[in-house]
Structure formats: structure tokens, C-alpha cells
C-alpha atoms as a PDB file:
ATOM      1  CA  VAL A   1       2.595  54.054  28.160  1.00  0.00           C
ATOM      2  CA  SER A   2       3.720  51.357  30.630  1.00  0.00           C
ATOM      3  CA  GLN A   3       1.178  50.982  33.420  1.00  0.00           C
ATOM      4  CA  THR A   4       3.906  50.502  36.044  1.00  0.00           C
ATOM      5  CA  ASN A   5       7.658  51.051  36.278  1.00  0.00           C
ATOM      6  CA  ASP A   6       8.132  47.546  34.843  1.00  0.00           C
ATOM      7  CA  PRO A   7       8.291  47.823  31.032  1.00  0.00           C
ATOM      8  CA  THR A   8       7.749  44.060  30.676  1.00  0.00           C
ATOM      9  CA  GLY A   9       4.284  44.429  32.202  1.00  0.00           C
ATOM     10  CA  SER A  10       1.034  45.836  30.820  1.00  0.00           C
ATOM     11  CA  TRP A  11       0.770  48.989  28.699  1.00  0.00           C
ATOM     12  CA  TYR A  12      -1.779  51.617  27.703  1.00  0.00           C
ATOM     13  CA  PHE A  13      -1.919  52.097  23.926  1.00  0.00           C
ATOM     14  CA  TYR A  14      -2.915  55.251  22.078  1.00  0.00           C
ATOM     15  CA  LYS A  15      -2.856  56.529  18.513  1.00  0.00           C
ATOM     16  CA  ILE A  16      -3.377  60.022  17.107  1.00  0.00           C
ATOM     17  CA  ASP A  17      -4.481  60.849  13.571  1.00  0.00           C
ATOM     18  CA  ALA A  18      -1.821  63.290  12.356  1.00  0.00           C
ATOM     19  CA  ASP A  19      -4.126  64.798   9.703  1.00  0.00           C
ATOM     20  CA  ALA A  20      -7.816  63.874   9.692  1.00  0.00           C
ATOM     21  CA  ALA A  21      -8.203  65.561   6.288  1.00  0.00           C
ATOM     22  CA  ASP A  22      -5.566  63.253   4.760  1.00  0.00           C
ATOM     23  CA  ASN A  23      -3.800  66.062   2.920  1.00  0.00           C
ATOM     24  CA  THR A  24      -0.438  65.507   4.606  1.00  0.00           C
ATOM     25  CA  TRP A  25       1.516  62.653   6.137  1.00  0.00           C
ATOM     26  CA  PHE A  26       3.658  62.639   9.282  1.00  0.00           C
ATOM     27  CA  ASP A  27       7.413  61.997   9.211  1.00  0.00           C
ATOM     28  CA  TYR A  28      10.409  61.950  11.524  1.00  0.00           C
ATOM     29  CA  PRO A  29       8.965  61.855  15.039  1.00  0.00           C
ATOM     30  CA  SER A  30      11.033  63.307  17.885  1.00  0.00           C
ATOM     31  CA  PHE A  31      10.220  62.634  21.524  1.00  0.00           C
ATOM     32  CA  GLY A  32      10.645  64.475  24.814  1.00  0.00           C
ATOM     33  CA  PHE A  33       8.932  65.022  28.138  1.00  0.00           C
ATOM     34  CA  ASN A  34       8.855  66.937  31.408  1.00  0.00           C
ATOM     35  CA  LYS A  35       6.743  66.645  34.548  1.00  0.00           C
ATOM     36  CA  ASN A  36       3.600  67.911  32.791  1.00  0.00           C
ATOM     37  CA  TRP A  37       3.766  66.624  29.231  1.00  0.00           C
ATOM     38  CA  ILE A  38       4.916  64.029  26.776  1.00  0.00           C
ATOM     39  CA  ILE A  39       5.980  65.864  23.603  1.00  0.00           C
ATOM     40  CA  VAL A  40       5.975  64.405  20.093  1.00  0.00           C
ATOM     41  CA  THR A  41       7.114  66.586  17.194  1.00  0.00           C
ATOM     42  CA  GLY A  42       7.482  65.909  13.492  1.00  0.00           C
ATOM     43  CA  ASN A  43       7.185  67.098   9.933  1.00  0.00           C
ATOM     44  CA  MET A  44       4.095  67.083   7.721  1.00  0.00           C
ATOM     45  CA  PHE A  45       4.538  66.436   3.986  1.00  0.00           C
ATOM     46  CA  THR A  46       1.913  66.897   1.293  1.00  0.00           C
ATOM     47  CA  ILE A  47       0.501  63.651  -0.048  1.00  0.00           C
ATOM     48  CA  SER A  48       0.010  65.104  -3.523  1.00  0.00           C
ATOM     49  CA  ALA A  49       3.571  66.355  -4.113  1.00  0.00           C
ATOM     50  CA  ASP A  50       5.554  64.980  -1.139  1.00  0.00           C
ATOM     51  CA  ASN A  51       6.747  68.474  -0.181  1.00  0.00           C
ATOM     52  CA  PHE A  52       7.337  69.712   3.367  1.00  0.00           C
ATOM     53  CA  SER A  53       4.263  71.614   4.504  1.00  0.00           C
ATOM     54  CA  THR A  54       4.567  72.407   8.184  1.00  0.00           C
ATOM     55  CA  GLY A  55       5.976  71.270  11.498  1.00  0.00           C
ATOM     56  CA  LYS A  56       3.598  69.848  14.052  1.00  0.00           C
ATOM     57  CA  ILE A  57       3.795  69.319  17.799  1.00  0.00           C
ATOM     58  CA  TRP A  58       1.578  67.157  19.971  1.00  0.00           C
ATOM     59  CA  VAL A  59       1.597  68.100  23.664  1.00  0.00           C
ATOM     60  CA  LEU A  60       0.212  65.117  25.565  1.00  0.00           C
ATOM     61  CA  ASP A  61      -1.224  65.462  29.081  1.00  0.00           C
ATOM     62  CA  LYS A  62       1.250  63.243  30.934  1.00  0.00           C
ATOM     63  CA  ALA A  63      -0.948  62.556  33.959  1.00  0.00           C
ATOM     64  CA  ASP A  64      -3.850  61.547  31.735  1.00  0.00           C
ATOM     65  CA  PHE A  65      -1.746  59.205  29.609  1.00  0.00           C
ATOM     66  CA  TYR A  66       0.008  57.702  32.631  1.00  0.00           C
ATOM     67  CA  SER A  67      -3.330  56.855  34.236  1.00  0.00           C
ATOM     68  CA  GLY A  68      -4.783  55.261  31.104  1.00  0.00           C
ATOM     69  CA  GLY A  69      -7.121  58.198  30.536  1.00  0.00           C
ATOM     70  CA  SER A  70      -8.859  59.355  27.376  1.00  0.00           C
ATOM     71  CA  GLY A  71      -5.655  60.656  25.752  1.00  0.00           C
ATOM     72  CA  ASN A  72      -5.886  64.438  26.184  1.00  0.00           C
ATOM     73  CA  PHE A  73      -3.502  66.474  24.034  1.00  0.00           C
ATOM     74  CA  THR A  74      -2.961  69.851  22.398  1.00  0.00           C
ATOM     75  CA  ALA A  75      -1.840  69.979  18.755  1.00  0.00           C
ATOM     76  CA  ILE A  76       0.355  72.941  17.770  1.00  0.00           C
ATOM     77  CA  ASN A  77       1.172  73.864  14.180  1.00  0.00           C
ATOM     78  CA  SER A  78       4.748  75.200  14.170  1.00  0.00           C
ATOM     79  CA  GLY A  79       4.482  76.566  10.627  1.00  0.00           C
ATOM     80  CA  SER A  80       6.573  76.413   7.496  1.00  0.00           C
ATOM     81  CA  ASN A  81       9.704  77.257   9.541  1.00  0.00           C
ATOM     82  CA  GLY A  82       8.993  74.463  12.013  1.00  0.00           C
ATOM     83  CA  PHE A  83      11.045  71.683  10.420  1.00  0.00           C
ATOM     84  CA  THR A  84      12.312  69.163  13.012  1.00  0.00           C
ATOM     85  CA  ILE A  85      11.901  71.073  16.264  1.00  0.00           C
ATOM     86  CA  CYS A  86      13.285  68.544  18.739  1.00  0.00           C
ATOM     87  CA  PRO A  87      11.912  68.426  22.321  1.00  0.00           C
ATOM     88  CA  ALA A  88      14.085  67.787  25.359  1.00  0.00           C
ATOM     89  CA  VAL A  89      14.104  64.741  27.580  1.00  0.00           C
ATOM     90  CA  THR A  90      13.847  66.658  30.869  1.00  0.00           C
ATOM     91  CA  PHE A  91      15.706  65.471  33.966  1.00  0.00           C
ATOM     92  CA  ASP A  92      14.078  67.875  36.413  1.00  0.00           C
ATOM     93  CA  SER A  93      10.815  67.038  38.133  1.00  0.00           C
ATOM     94  CA  THR A  94      10.101  70.622  39.227  1.00  0.00           C
ATOM     95  CA  ILE A  95      10.169  72.863  36.129  1.00  0.00           C
ATOM     96  CA  ASN A  96       6.989  73.592  34.183  1.00  0.00           C
ATOM     97  CA  THR A  97       8.769  74.617  30.964  1.00  0.00           C
ATOM     98  CA  GLU A  98       9.581  72.238  28.119  1.00  0.00           C
ATOM     99  CA  TYR A  99      12.593  73.229  25.982  1.00  0.00           C
ATOM    100  CA  LEU A 100      12.977  72.419  22.291  1.00  0.00           C
ATOM    101  CA  LEU A 101      15.890  72.961  19.894  1.00  0.00           C
ATOM    102  CA  GLN A 102      16.091  73.286  16.114  1.00  0.00           C
ATOM    103  CA  GLU A 103      18.988  73.521  13.667  1.00  0.00           C
ATOM    104  CA  TRP A 104      18.285  76.787  11.859  1.00  0.00           C
ATOM    105  CA  ASN A 105      21.046  77.832   9.455  1.00  0.00           C
ATOM    106  CA  GLY A 106      24.614  76.621   9.029  1.00  0.00           C
ATOM    107  CA  ASN A 107      26.100  79.733   7.463  1.00  0.00           C
ATOM    108  CA  SER A 108      24.317  83.067   7.377  1.00  0.00           C
ATOM    109  CA  SER A 109      26.576  86.132   7.236  1.00  0.00           C
ATOM    110  CA  GLY A 110      29.404  84.146   8.785  1.00  0.00           C
ATOM    111  CA  LEU A 111      27.423  82.607  11.647  1.00  0.00           C
ATOM    112  CA  GLY A 112      25.803  79.224  12.279  1.00  0.00           C
ATOM    113  CA  TYR A 113      22.466  79.187  14.096  1.00  0.00           C
ATOM    114  CA  VAL A 114      20.303  76.905  16.193  1.00  0.00           C
ATOM    115  CA  ARG A 115      16.959  78.081  17.574  1.00  0.00           C
ATOM    116  CA  LEU A 116      15.618  77.547  21.103  1.00  0.00           C
ATOM    117  CA  TYR A 117      11.882  77.259  21.851  1.00  0.00           C
ATOM    118  CA  THR A 118       9.718  76.663  24.905  1.00  0.00           C
ATOM    119  CA  ILE A 119       6.325  75.152  25.550  1.00  0.00           C
ATOM    120  CA  THR A 120       4.536  76.731  28.507  1.00  0.00           C
ATOM    121  CA  GLY A 121       1.017  77.252  29.808  1.00  0.00           C
ATOM    122  CA  ALA A 122      -1.712  75.404  31.642  1.00  0.00           C
ATOM    123  CA  ILE A 123      -2.449  71.842  30.612  1.00  0.00           C
ATOM    124  CA  GLY A 124      -4.826  72.058  27.675  1.00  0.00           C
ATOM    125  CA  SER A 125      -3.761  75.631  26.815  1.00  0.00           C
ATOM    126  CA  GLU A 126      -0.101  75.177  25.934  1.00  0.00           C
ATOM    127  CA  ALA A 127       1.783  77.585  23.669  1.00  0.00           C
ATOM    128  CA  LEU A 128       4.992  77.343  21.650  1.00  0.00           C
ATOM    129  CA  THR A 129       7.349  80.329  21.959  1.00  0.00           C
ATOM    130  CA  ALA A 130      10.542  81.022  20.005  1.00  0.00           C
ATOM    131  CA  VAL A 131      13.027  82.150  22.675  1.00  0.00           C
ATOM    132  CA  SER A 132      16.253  83.032  20.852  1.00  0.00           C
ATOM    133  CA  TYR A 133      18.904  82.017  18.357  1.00  0.00           C
ATOM    134  CA  ALA A 134      22.195  80.565  19.589  1.00  0.00           C
ATOM    135  CA  THR A 135      25.097  81.332  17.270  1.00  0.00           C
ATOM    136  CA  THR A 136      28.660  80.316  16.547  1.00  0.00           C
ATOM    137  CA  SER A 137      31.298  81.601  14.163  1.00  0.00           C
ATOM    138  CA  SER A 138      32.163  77.963  13.362  1.00  0.00           C
ATOM    139  CA  THR A 139      29.865  77.610  10.374  1.00  0.00           C
ATOM    140  CA  TRP A 140      28.785  74.489   8.498  1.00  0.00           C
ATOM    141  CA  SER A 141      27.207  73.431   5.215  1.00  0.00           C
ATOM    142  CA  GLU A 142      23.654  72.105   5.016  1.00  0.00           C
ATOM    143  CA  ASP A 143      24.563  69.682   2.221  1.00  0.00           C
ATOM    144  CA  GLN A 144      26.527  66.463   2.049  1.00  0.00           C
ATOM    145  CA  PRO A 145      29.781  66.633   0.063  1.00  0.00           C
ATOM    146  CA  GLY A 146      28.839  66.589  -3.611  1.00  0.00           C
ATOM    147  CA  GLY A 147      25.156  66.849  -2.704  1.00  0.00           C
ATOM    148  CA  ALA A 148      24.804  63.057  -2.658  1.00  0.00           C
ATOM    149  CA  ASP A 149      25.569  59.982  -0.568  1.00  0.00           C
ATOM    150  CA  SER A 150      28.972  60.715   0.969  1.00  0.00           C
ATOM    151  CA  GLY A 151      29.871  58.243   3.729  1.00  0.00           C
ATOM    152  CA  PRO A 152      32.893  56.162   2.590  1.00  0.00           C
ATOM    153  CA  GLN A 153      33.195  52.476   3.389  1.00  0.00           C
ATOM    154  CA  GLN A 154      35.732  49.720   2.989  1.00  0.00           C
ATOM    155  CA  GLY A 155      35.269  47.314   0.129  1.00  0.00           C
ATOM    156  CA  SER A 156      32.771  49.318  -1.901  1.00  0.00           C
ATOM    157  CA  THR A 157      32.565  52.334  -4.171  1.00  0.00           C
ATOM    158  CA  HIS A 158      28.984  52.871  -2.992  1.00  0.00           C
ATOM    159  CA  LYS A 159      28.845  55.635  -0.421  1.00  0.00           C
ATOM    160  CA  ILE A 160      26.274  55.923   2.357  1.00  0.00           C
ATOM    161  CA  ASP A 161      23.601  58.581   2.775  1.00  0.00           C
ATOM    162  CA  LEU A 162      24.456  60.718   5.817  1.00  0.00           C
ATOM    163  CA  GLY A 163      21.193  62.636   5.891  1.00  0.00           C
ATOM    164  CA  ASP A 164      21.116  66.318   6.752  1.00  0.00           C
ATOM    165  CA  THR A 165      21.825  68.708   9.623  1.00  0.00           C
ATOM    166  CA  ARG A 166      18.529  68.500  11.528  1.00  0.00           C
ATOM    167  CA  MET A 167      18.692  68.268  15.328  1.00  0.00           C
ATOM    168  CA  GLN A 168      18.845  64.609  16.403  1.00  0.00           C
ATOM    169  CA  ASN A 169      18.035  64.723  20.108  1.00  0.00           C
ATOM    170  CA  VAL A 170      17.885  67.164  23.027  1.00  0.00           C
ATOM    171  CA  VAL A 171      18.326  66.828  26.797  1.00  0.00           C
ATOM    172  CA  TYR A 172      17.549  69.275  29.616  1.00  0.00           C
ATOM    173  CA  ARG A 173      19.883  68.546  32.530  1.00  0.00           C
ATOM    174  CA  ASN A 174      21.255  70.533  35.480  1.00  0.00           C
ATOM    175  CA  GLY A 175      19.838  73.822  34.196  1.00  0.00           C
ATOM    176  CA  SER A 176      21.178  73.476  30.628  1.00  0.00           C
ATOM    177  CA  VAL A 177      19.805  72.469  27.239  1.00  0.00           C
ATOM    178  CA  TRP A 178      22.037  69.994  25.376  1.00  0.00           C
ATOM    179  CA  GLY A 179      21.647  68.972  21.732  1.00  0.00           C
ATOM    180  CA  THR A 180      23.512  67.255  18.913  1.00  0.00           C
ATOM    181  CA  HIS A 181      23.295  66.903  15.128  1.00  0.00           C
ATOM    182  CA  ASN A 182      25.278  66.301  11.920  1.00  0.00           C
ATOM    183  CA  VAL A 183      27.209  69.100  10.237  1.00  0.00           C
ATOM    184  CA  PHE A 184      29.075  69.084   6.928  1.00  0.00           C
ATOM    185  CA  LEU A 185      32.473  70.775   6.880  1.00  0.00           C
ATOM    186  CA  PRO A 186      33.860  73.109   5.750  1.00  0.00           C
ATOM    187  CA  ALA A 187      30.927  75.448   5.181  1.00  0.00           C
ATOM    188  CA  SER A 188      32.262  76.809   1.883  1.00  0.00           C
ATOM    189  CA  SER A 189      32.517  73.435   0.149  1.00  0.00           C
ATOM    190  CA  SER A 190      31.924  70.435   2.361  1.00  0.00           C
ATOM    191  CA  SER A 191      34.258  67.437   2.233  1.00  0.00           C
ATOM    192  CA  ARG A 192      33.289  65.504   5.364  1.00  0.00           C
ATOM    193  CA  SER A 193      30.617  64.957   8.003  1.00  0.00           C
ATOM    194  CA  ALA A 194      31.133  65.729  11.691  1.00  0.00           C
ATOM    195  CA  VAL A 195      29.051  65.607  14.876  1.00  0.00           C
ATOM    196  CA  GLN A 196      28.239  68.959  16.476  1.00  0.00           C
ATOM    197  CA  TRP A 197      26.974  69.377  20.037  1.00  0.00           C
ATOM    198  CA  TRP A 198      25.728  72.305  22.121  1.00  0.00           C
ATOM    199  CA  GLN A 199      25.220  73.242  25.749  1.00  0.00           C
ATOM    200  CA  LEU A 200      22.918  76.264  26.068  1.00  0.00           C
ATOM    201  CA  THR A 201      21.447  78.254  28.910  1.00  0.00           C
ATOM    202  CA  THR A 202      17.671  78.404  29.105  1.00  0.00           C
ATOM    203  CA  ALA A 203      17.906  81.894  27.566  1.00  0.00           C
ATOM    204  CA  GLY A 204      19.786  80.524  24.546  1.00  0.00           C
ATOM    205  CA  ALA A 205      23.334  81.652  25.393  1.00  0.00           C
ATOM    206  CA  VAL A 206      26.080  79.240  24.374  1.00  0.00           C
ATOM    207  CA  THR A 207      27.853  77.674  27.368  1.00  0.00           C
ATOM    208  CA  GLN A 208      29.889  75.401  25.123  1.00  0.00           C
ATOM    209  CA  ARG A 209      29.789  74.091  21.561  1.00  0.00           C
ATOM    210  CA  SER A 210      32.158  71.837  19.709  1.00  0.00           C
ATOM    211  CA  THR A 211      32.430  69.150  17.061  1.00  0.00           C
ATOM    212  CA  ILE A 212      33.636  65.576  16.916  1.00  0.00           C
ATOM    213  CA  ASP A 213      35.594  65.934  13.700  1.00  0.00           C
ATOM    214  CA  TYR A 214      38.451  63.916  12.258  1.00  0.00           C
ATOM    215  CA  GLY A 215      39.637  67.046  10.460  1.00  0.00           C
ATOM    216  CA  SER A 216      39.868  65.541   6.983  1.00  0.00           C
ATOM    217  CA  SER A 217      37.793  63.521   4.552  1.00  0.00           C
ATOM    218  CA  THR A 218      39.474  60.341   5.821  1.00  0.00           C
ATOM    219  CA  LYS A 219      36.754  59.687   8.397  1.00  0.00           C
ATOM    220  CA  PHE A 220      33.096  60.749   8.629  1.00  0.00           C
ATOM    221  CA  TYR A 221      30.830  60.823  11.703  1.00  0.00           C
ATOM    222  CA  ALA A 222      27.022  61.025  11.547  1.00  0.00           C
ATOM    223  CA  TYR A 223      23.668  60.349  13.233  1.00  0.00           C
ATOM    224  CA  PRO A 224      24.529  61.286  16.843  1.00  0.00           C
ATOM    225  CA  SER A 225      22.618  61.125  20.112  1.00  0.00           C
ATOM    226  CA  ILE A 226      23.603  62.719  23.419  1.00  0.00           C
ATOM    227  CA  ALA A 227      23.092  61.979  27.121  1.00  0.00           C
ATOM    228  CA  VAL A 228      24.176  63.823  30.275  1.00  0.00           C
ATOM    229  CA  ASN A 229      24.372  62.248  33.735  1.00  0.00           C
ATOM    230  CA  ALA A 230      23.713  63.781  37.137  1.00  0.00           C
ATOM    231  CA  SER A 231      27.346  64.970  37.395  1.00  0.00           C
ATOM    232  CA  ASN A 232      27.395  66.632  33.925  1.00  0.00           C
ATOM    233  CA  ASP A 233      29.498  63.927  32.287  1.00  0.00           C
ATOM    234  CA  VAL A 234      28.478  63.624  28.636  1.00  0.00           C
ATOM    235  CA  LEU A 235      28.373  60.756  26.151  1.00  0.00           C
ATOM    236  CA  ILE A 236      27.605  61.049  22.435  1.00  0.00           C
ATOM    237  CA  GLY A 237      27.024  57.937  20.333  1.00  0.00           C
ATOM    238  CA  TYR A 238      27.152  57.955  16.525  1.00  0.00           C
ATOM    239  CA  SER A 239      28.062  56.039  13.360  1.00  0.00           C
ATOM    240  CA  SER A 240      31.581  56.104  11.901  1.00  0.00           C
ATOM    241  CA  PHE A 241      32.545  55.740   8.235  1.00  0.00           C
ATOM    242  CA  SER A 242      35.860  55.533   6.367  1.00  0.00           C
ATOM    243  CA  LEU A 243      37.570  53.716   3.490  1.00  0.00           C
ATOM    244  CA  THR A 244      39.533  51.612   5.992  1.00  0.00           C
ATOM    245  CA  GLN A 245      36.547  50.249   7.926  1.00  0.00           C
ATOM    246  CA  TYR A 246      33.038  48.980   7.376  1.00  0.00           C
ATOM    247  CA  PRO A 247      30.268  51.208   8.802  1.00  0.00           C
ATOM    248  CA  SER A 248      30.785  51.045  12.560  1.00  0.00           C
ATOM    249  CA  SER A 249      29.430  52.065  15.968  1.00  0.00           C
ATOM    250  CA  ALA A 250      31.358  54.694  17.932  1.00  0.00           C
ATOM    251  CA  SER A 251      31.071  57.105  20.848  1.00  0.00           C
ATOM    252  CA  SER A 252      32.886  60.009  22.475  1.00  0.00           C
ATOM    253  CA  PHE A 253      32.985  60.809  26.192  1.00  0.00           C
ATOM    254  CA  ARG A 254      33.472  64.072  28.062  1.00  0.00           C
ATOM    255  CA  SER A 255      34.209  64.275  31.788  1.00  0.00           C
ATOM    256  CA  ARG A 256      32.723  67.093  33.838  1.00  0.00           C
ATOM    257  CA  CYS A 257      36.264  67.959  34.984  1.00  0.00           C
ATOM    258  CA  GLU A 258      37.573  68.722  31.502  1.00  0.00           C
ATOM    259  CA  PRO A 259      37.849  72.310  30.211  1.00  0.00           C
ATOM    260  CA  LEU A 260      34.882  73.675  28.296  1.00  0.00           C
ATOM    261  CA  HIS A 261      34.317  72.700  24.655  1.00  0.00           C
ATOM    262  CA  PRO A 262      36.557  69.664  23.939  1.00  0.00           C
ATOM    263  CA  MET A 263      35.057  66.190  23.565  1.00  0.00           C
ATOM    264  CA  GLU A 264      37.337  63.151  23.680  1.00  0.00           C
ATOM    265  CA  SER A 265      38.191  61.505  20.353  1.00  0.00           C
ATOM    266  CA  ASP A 266      36.135  58.718  18.851  1.00  0.00           C
ATOM    267  CA  TYR A 267      36.066  55.293  20.448  1.00  0.00           C
ATOM    268  CA  LEU A 268      35.042  52.602  17.951  1.00  0.00           C
ATOM    269  CA  TYR A 269      33.274  50.076  20.148  1.00  0.00           C
ATOM    270  CA  LYS A 270      31.773  47.843  17.450  1.00  0.00           C
ATOM    271  CA  ALA A 271      33.563  47.523  14.111  1.00  0.00           C
ATOM    272  CA  GLY A 272      31.439  46.906  11.046  1.00  0.00           C
ATOM    273  CA  GLU A 273      31.571  43.397   9.618  1.00  0.00           C
ATOM    274  CA  ALA A 274      30.793  43.989   5.934  1.00  0.00           C
ATOM    275  CA  LYS A 275      30.005  46.626   3.329  1.00  0.00           C
ATOM    276  CA  TYR A 276      26.481  48.009   3.100  1.00  0.00           C
ATOM    277  CA  TYR A 277      24.479  48.920   0.009  1.00  0.00           C
ATOM    278  CA  LYS A 278      20.688  48.887  -0.132  1.00  0.00           C
ATOM    279  CA  THR A 279      18.549  51.446  -1.975  1.00  0.00           C
ATOM    280  CA  TYR A 280      15.162  49.701  -2.165  1.00  0.00           C
ATOM    281  CA  SER A 281      14.945  50.679  -5.861  1.00  0.00           C
ATOM    282  CA  GLY A 282      15.533  54.325  -4.947  1.00  0.00           C
ATOM    283  CA  THR A 283      18.607  56.513  -5.248  1.00  0.00           C
ATOM    284  CA  LYS A 284      19.714  56.753  -1.601  1.00  0.00           C
ATOM    285  CA  ASN A 285      21.851  54.197   0.199  1.00  0.00           C
ATOM    286  CA  ARG A 286      19.987  54.898   3.405  1.00  0.00           C
ATOM    287  CA  TRP A 287      21.792  54.207   6.650  1.00  0.00           C
ATOM    288  CA  GLY A 288      19.246  55.690   8.995  1.00  0.00           C
ATOM    289  CA  ASP A 289      18.763  57.854  12.044  1.00  0.00           C
ATOM    290  CA  PHE A 290      18.732  54.927  14.435  1.00  0.00           C
ATOM    291  CA  THR A 291      20.698  56.188  17.418  1.00  0.00           C
ATOM    292  CA  SER A 292      20.016  56.361  21.134  1.00  0.00           C
ATOM    293  CA  THR A 293      22.144  57.333  24.116  1.00  0.00           C
ATOM    294  CA  CYS A 294      20.684  57.364  27.623  1.00  0.00           C
ATOM    295  CA  ILE A 295      21.440  57.270  31.340  1.00  0.00           C
ATOM    296  CA  ASP A 296      21.312  54.117  33.429  1.00  0.00           C
ATOM    297  CA  PRO A 297      18.209  54.631  35.599  1.00  0.00           C
ATOM    298  CA  VAL A 298      19.667  52.580  38.451  1.00  0.00           C
ATOM    299  CA  ASN A 299      22.512  54.957  39.351  1.00  0.00           C
ATOM    300  CA  ASP A 300      22.042  58.071  37.156  1.00  0.00           C
ATOM    301  CA  ASN A 301      25.757  57.901  36.408  1.00  0.00           C
ATOM    302  CA  ASP A 302      26.478  55.228  33.804  1.00  0.00           C
ATOM    303  CA  PHE A 303      25.595  55.566  30.129  1.00  0.00           C
ATOM    304  CA  TRP A 304      24.114  53.226  27.554  1.00  0.00           C
ATOM    305  CA  THR A 305      24.443  53.913  23.828  1.00  0.00           C
ATOM    306  CA  LEU A 306      22.839  51.986  20.976  1.00  0.00           C
ATOM    307  CA  GLN A 307      24.296  52.505  17.489  1.00  0.00           C
ATOM    308  CA  GLU A 308      24.203  50.935  14.032  1.00  0.00           C
ATOM    309  CA  TYR A 309      26.910  48.927  12.310  1.00  0.00           C
ATOM    310  CA  ALA A 310      27.035  46.916   9.081  1.00  0.00           C
ATOM    311  CA  THR A 311      26.628  43.250   9.872  1.00  0.00           C
ATOM    312  CA  THR A 312      27.249  40.091   7.844  1.00  0.00           C
ATOM    313  CA  PRO A 313      25.015  39.796   4.747  1.00  0.00           C
ATOM    314  CA  SER A 314      22.272  37.187   4.727  1.00  0.00           C
ATOM    315  CA  GLY A 315      20.527  35.619   1.749  1.00  0.00           C
ATOM    316  CA  GLY A 316      22.492  37.817  -0.616  1.00  0.00           C
ATOM    317  CA  TYR A 317      21.303  41.047   1.064  1.00  0.00           C
ATOM    318  CA  ASP A 318      23.462  43.573   2.919  1.00  0.00           C
ATOM    319  CA  ARG A 319      22.269  44.269   6.454  1.00  0.00           C
ATOM    320  CA  TRP A 320      22.667  46.740   9.279  1.00  0.00           C
ATOM    321  CA  ALA A 321      22.331  45.824  12.934  1.00  0.00           C
ATOM    322  CA  THR A 322      22.633  47.523  16.342  1.00  0.00           C
ATOM    323  CA  TRP A 323      25.080  47.117  19.214  1.00  0.00           C
ATOM    324  CA  TRP A 324      24.908  48.325  22.799  1.00  0.00           C
ATOM    325  CA  ALA A 325      27.753  49.800  24.808  1.00  0.00           C
ATOM    326  CA  LYS A 326      27.791  50.678  28.505  1.00  0.00           C
ATOM    327  CA  VAL A 327      30.095  53.448  29.716  1.00  0.00           C
ATOM    328  CA  ALA A 328      30.805  53.763  33.442  1.00  0.00           C
ATOM    329  CA  PRO A 329      32.518  57.110  34.253  1.00  0.00           C
ATOM    330  CA  ALA A 330      35.024  57.290  37.090  1.00  0.00           C
ATOM    331  CA  SER A 331      33.414  58.253  40.374  1.00  0.00           C
ATOM    332  CA  ASP A 332      36.059  60.936  40.933  1.00  0.00           C
ATOM    333  CA  GLY A 333      35.032  62.778  37.774  1.00  0.00           C
ATOM    334  CA  GLY A 334      38.206  62.398  35.763  1.00  0.00           C
ATOM    335  CA  ALA A 335      41.274  61.486  37.805  1.00  0.00           C
ATOM    336  CA  GLY A 336      40.439  57.804  37.517  1.00  0.00           C
ATOM    337  CA  THR A 337      39.372  55.814  34.499  1.00  0.00           C
ATOM    338  CA  TRP A 338      36.085  55.047  32.831  1.00  0.00           C
ATOM    339  CA  THR A 339      35.186  51.622  31.561  1.00  0.00           C
ATOM    340  CA  TRP A 340      33.448  50.231  28.477  1.00  0.00           C
ATOM    341  CA  THR A 341      31.277  47.167  28.227  1.00  0.00           C
ATOM    342  CA  THR A 342      29.823  46.199  24.853  1.00  0.00           C
ATOM    343  CA  ARG A 343      27.070  43.749  24.214  1.00  0.00           C
ATOM    344  CA  ARG A 344      24.839  42.728  21.384  1.00  0.00           C
ATOM    345  CA  PRO A 345      21.084  43.114  21.900  1.00  0.00           C
END
């Protein structure tokens, strides 16, 4: 935790033993916060068989951590159904509730489901509560096309692992819960990957839901992250894959003045420079979940997104890298234009 509002200054450092008994190991951390807590969630896998065991949530006392205290926290076991429950980054300094969102089921009796949770209670006595399921008739598959690496790329027959449909990140903003994740379409027999996003009420009702989807297996989108500014403009950053491009960085923007549900089409802001294939002696050509989209803290209007692309090989090894983009929405909310600035970190 940075000791001041200057991240280049001094920090307080903490570590938490995820399992003192050493029966399980911790994977896939997700991060959120509100005025009371810093929330870290993840998945515990058995060391003996490397099987998912349970979800786990650490609720950190924000005031204690911010002051360099002893590191007070509450650990919550979310059970065998607690896989990747993603906490919200909360842009409201008054609410005491922390919201969390989980991809639940892509196609059950003709409906797709995500599940909304809350963390409430006094500091030191926090509780996780399952609030409701949010549903859509636009269903999806849980599996990549063919059940294997599926992301196409120029110049190679090796496809890229696009992961699964777990929730990638969640934001609470202006009274709504926003989240995004991969989906594989169509649900009956998937042929492509798309980005799905949700806006929910705090009771779990769907305000809007849509996908960023090319509509055919020509182009795949995966590994998204979402941000919402003070005016309810939205930006989603993600990776883009096709046979006519190297793995690239892309984003889609939505103005607050647009009708509900649509998101603007993909904007490829950093084209990949080379093919990518690296399995580390395994079977997966891992691309990764390395994605972040956030609000500029100076004006609470502009966006920054940080996405992966395939960069030039070095020493005979394929490589991925990251590229920033800044998006400045029009101040009039849609009648004007919005501008892009890209830069390499």
C-alpha cells in the first residue's frame, strides 16, 4: 500500500499465507475495494492433484492497511461453487457494501447466467451473501472452439489459448455493477470468441448486456477489462486475433448518449508485429489475462487501457508486450468526437 498519494514514494508491504496447512495453492487473484475494505479473491487448487478445491476471499481492513497497521483481515471460504468471484473497484466513497460478480453458466435451459454477491458487515465480521442471478437469453459456450487453443493468427498454424469464460473485472459506478468476460459463440457449437459485458442494478437486474462480436470465425476477441467514467461513458480493452493480423491490442468505446446495449466496433490501436507461439514445454500456447482499463484520476473522464500484443521476437523466442492507449471522450457526451493517444510503456 502506498504511504501517500504518490506511488513513486514509500510503501507498506504485506503478505498473507493462503493456506498455512499447505494442502492447496492460490491462483488467479482478482482485486477490488470500497471505502471499508480492500478485497482479494482467488481460487485454491489441491497440491496433490492440482484440482480446484474452493474459492477464497480475503477482506482487508482498508484503514489498517492504509496506516501501515498490523494487517487485519477476514478470510472467507466461498466453497466449491466459488470459482473466480470477482470484486468491484468501487467509485463511491459512501456505500458500505462491496459487490462481486461471477460467471455462472453459459447455457442452462436456454439462459446464460452470472451471479451477483455482496460483502457486508462490521469490519472484522464481514459476510459474503449471494444476492441473485442475472440472466440473458443470449447464451454462450463455456469451451473454446474444438476444446483447444482457438485464437487464429497471421503467419502461423499455431492457435492461441483464449482461456475460459470467468469474469475478468468488475466496477461499481453511478449505482450500477459493470462486468466483462470472454464468451464462446454460438452456445451449441462454438466457432469464435467474443467479449461480453453487463450493467446490473445492485439487486441483480440487467440494465444492459451485449457482446463485442465480429459475428463470424474471421476475428476473435478475448481477455477484456472494463472501465466507466463519471458520466457513464464506457471503455473495454481486449486482445484481437485473426488470420489477417498478428495478435493485437484493441478497444471499444460506448458513449453515455447512445441507446442501451450497443458497444462501438473494435478499434485496433496497436497492431501485432509478429506471430506468437510459446508453450513452455506444455500443451497451451498461453496468451494471458494481462488486461487493464481504468479512469484517469486527474479528470475522472478520460480512459487508459493497457493490452497485450505480439512483439518482435528476440533471441529466437516469440514475445508478447503491452501497449497503452488513452481515450478522451467528447465533453458533450457524443455529439463531438473522442480522441485516441497510444504510447508504449
